[in-house]
Amino acid sequence: MSIADRIWDALAQVIKMNEQAVRLSHQVKDLASETREMDKRLVRLETMLELALAGKGPAPETGVPRRLPPTKISD
């Protein structure tokens, strides 16, 4: 195998590695986007849970219940 063949093979490997790096970069961007979306959803769930738990405290002195009345379910 001549020097030219070795150089050609090395260049081909560098090009393949570059393509793989670009592909991995896109995958990392997609994963980061999905992670941000899941984080936003988790924050919303935590907020809903905190509000629900805060509503289970003692009723105020006015006698007004803090819970909503039951609703009718239409068939």
C-alpha atoms as a PDB file:
ATOM      1  CA  MET A   1       0.000   0.000   0.000  1.00  0.00           C
ATOM      2  CA  SER A   2       1.455   3.320  -1.025  1.00  0.00           C
ATOM      3  CA  ILE A   3       1.596   6.552   0.924  1.00  0.00           C
ATOM      4  CA  ALA A   4      -1.143   8.036  -1.269  1.00  0.00           C
ATOM      5  CA  ASP A   5      -3.474   5.152  -0.376  1.00  0.00           C
ATOM      6  CA  ARG A   6      -2.800   5.644   3.326  1.00  0.00           C
ATOM      7  CA  ILE A   7      -3.455   9.372   3.073  1.00  0.00           C
ATOM      8  CA  TRP A   8      -6.663   8.720   1.122  1.00  0.00           C
ATOM      9  CA  ASP A   9      -7.862   6.225   3.751  1.00  0.00           C
ATOM     10  CA  ALA A  10      -7.044   8.653   6.563  1.00  0.00           C
ATOM     11  CA  LEU A  11      -8.992  11.449   4.841  1.00  0.00           C
ATOM     12  CA  ALA A  12     -11.946   9.109   4.299  1.00  0.00           C
ATOM     13  CA  GLN A  13     -11.924   8.238   8.023  1.00  0.00           C
ATOM     14  CA  VAL A  14     -11.802  11.913   8.990  1.00  0.00           C
ATOM     15  CA  ILE A  15     -14.807  12.636   6.755  1.00  0.00           C
ATOM     16  CA  LYS A  16     -16.738   9.728   8.276  1.00  0.00           C
ATOM     17  CA  MET A  17     -15.908  10.913  11.803  1.00  0.00           C
ATOM     18  CA  ASN A  18     -17.044  14.429  10.909  1.00  0.00           C
ATOM     19  CA  GLU A  19     -20.389  13.085   9.655  1.00  0.00           C
ATOM     20  CA  GLN A  20     -20.793  11.104  12.867  1.00  0.00           C
ATOM     21  CA  ALA A  21     -19.977  14.176  14.964  1.00  0.00           C
ATOM     22  CA  VAL A  22     -22.573  16.236  13.092  1.00  0.00           C
ATOM     23  CA  ARG A  23     -25.178  13.489  13.550  1.00  0.00           C
ATOM     24  CA  LEU A  24     -24.398  13.235  17.271  1.00  0.00           C
ATOM     25  CA  SER A  25     -24.638  17.001  17.598  1.00  0.00           C
ATOM     26  CA  HIS A  26     -28.154  16.930  16.146  1.00  0.00           C
ATOM     27  CA  GLN A  27     -29.125  14.101  18.484  1.00  0.00           C
ATOM     28  CA  VAL A  28     -27.827  16.044  21.501  1.00  0.00           C
ATOM     29  CA  LYS A  29     -29.852  19.090  20.434  1.00  0.00           C
ATOM     30  CA  ASP A  30     -32.981  16.932  20.167  1.00  0.00           C
ATOM     31  CA  LEU A  31     -32.357  15.395  23.587  1.00  0.00           C
ATOM     32  CA  ALA A  32     -31.801  18.834  25.116  1.00  0.00           C
ATOM     33  CA  SER A  33     -35.097  20.027  23.659  1.00  0.00           C
ATOM     34  CA  GLU A  34     -36.942  16.991  25.018  1.00  0.00           C
ATOM     35  CA  THR A  35     -35.310  17.479  28.424  1.00  0.00           C
ATOM     36  CA  ARG A  36     -36.415  21.127  28.541  1.00  0.00           C
ATOM     37  CA  GLU A  37     -39.971  20.108  27.645  1.00  0.00           C
ATOM     38  CA  MET A  38     -40.024  17.447  30.378  1.00  0.00           C
ATOM     39  CA  ASP A  39     -38.625  19.959  32.869  1.00  0.00           C
ATOM     40  CA  LYS A  40     -41.415  22.406  32.033  1.00  0.00           C
ATOM     41  CA  ARG A  41     -44.014  19.680  32.483  1.00  0.00           C
ATOM     42  CA  LEU A  42     -42.489  18.643  35.808  1.00  0.00           C
ATOM     43  CA  VAL A  43     -42.591  22.230  37.061  1.00  0.00           C
ATOM     44  CA  ARG A  44     -46.272  22.464  36.130  1.00  0.00           C
ATOM     45  CA  LEU A  45     -47.015  19.189  37.929  1.00  0.00           C
ATOM     46  CA  GLU A  46     -45.118  20.316  41.023  1.00  0.00           C
ATOM     47  CA  THR A  47     -47.036  23.586  41.049  1.00  0.00           C
ATOM     48  CA  MET A  48     -50.368  21.789  40.730  1.00  0.00           C
ATOM     49  CA  LEU A  49     -49.409  19.418  43.561  1.00  0.00           C
ATOM     50  CA  GLU A  50     -48.309  22.250  45.835  1.00  0.00           C
ATOM     51  CA  LEU A  51     -51.544  24.144  45.177  1.00  0.00           C
ATOM     52  CA  ALA A  52     -53.611  21.031  45.825  1.00  0.00           C
ATOM     53  CA  LEU A  53     -51.796  20.292  49.068  1.00  0.00           C
ATOM     54  CA  ALA A  54     -52.053  23.918  50.177  1.00  0.00           C
ATOM     55  CA  GLY A  55     -55.834  23.749  49.718  1.00  0.00           C
ATOM     56  CA  LYS A  56     -56.134  20.877  52.214  1.00  0.00           C
ATOM     57  CA  GLY A  57     -55.271  23.091  55.190  1.00  0.00           C
ATOM     58  CA  PRO A  58     -57.817  24.135  57.821  1.00  0.00           C
ATOM     59  CA  ALA A  59     -60.840  26.100  56.595  1.00  0.00           C
ATOM     60  CA  PRO A  60     -60.869  29.825  57.364  1.00  0.00           C
ATOM     61  CA  GLU A  61     -62.902  31.151  60.329  1.00  0.00           C
ATOM     62  CA  THR A  62     -65.685  32.379  58.024  1.00  0.00           C
ATOM     63  CA  GLY A  63     -66.870  28.823  57.598  1.00  0.00           C
ATOM     64  CA  VAL A  64     -66.410  28.854  53.813  1.00  0.00           C
ATOM     65  CA  PRO A  65     -65.027  25.507  52.682  1.00  0.00           C
ATOM     66  CA  ARG A  66     -61.844  25.647  50.665  1.00  0.00           C
ATOM     67  CA  ARG A  67     -62.774  22.705  48.458  1.00  0.00           C
ATOM     68  CA  LEU A  68     -64.927  22.967  45.373  1.00  0.00           C
ATOM     69  CA  PRO A  69     -68.375  21.365  45.463  1.00  0.00           C
ATOM     70  CA  PRO A  70     -68.931  18.190  43.464  1.00  0.00           C
ATOM     71  CA  THR A  71     -69.965  18.699  39.850  1.00  0.00           C
ATOM     72  CA  LYS A  72     -72.506  16.809  37.781  1.00  0.00           C
ATOM     73  CA  ILE A  73     -71.163  14.417  35.213  1.00  0.00           C
ATOM     74  CA  SER A  74     -73.283  14.464  32.069  1.00  0.00           C
ATOM     75  CA  ASP A  75     -73.801  11.177  30.273  1.00  0.00           C
END
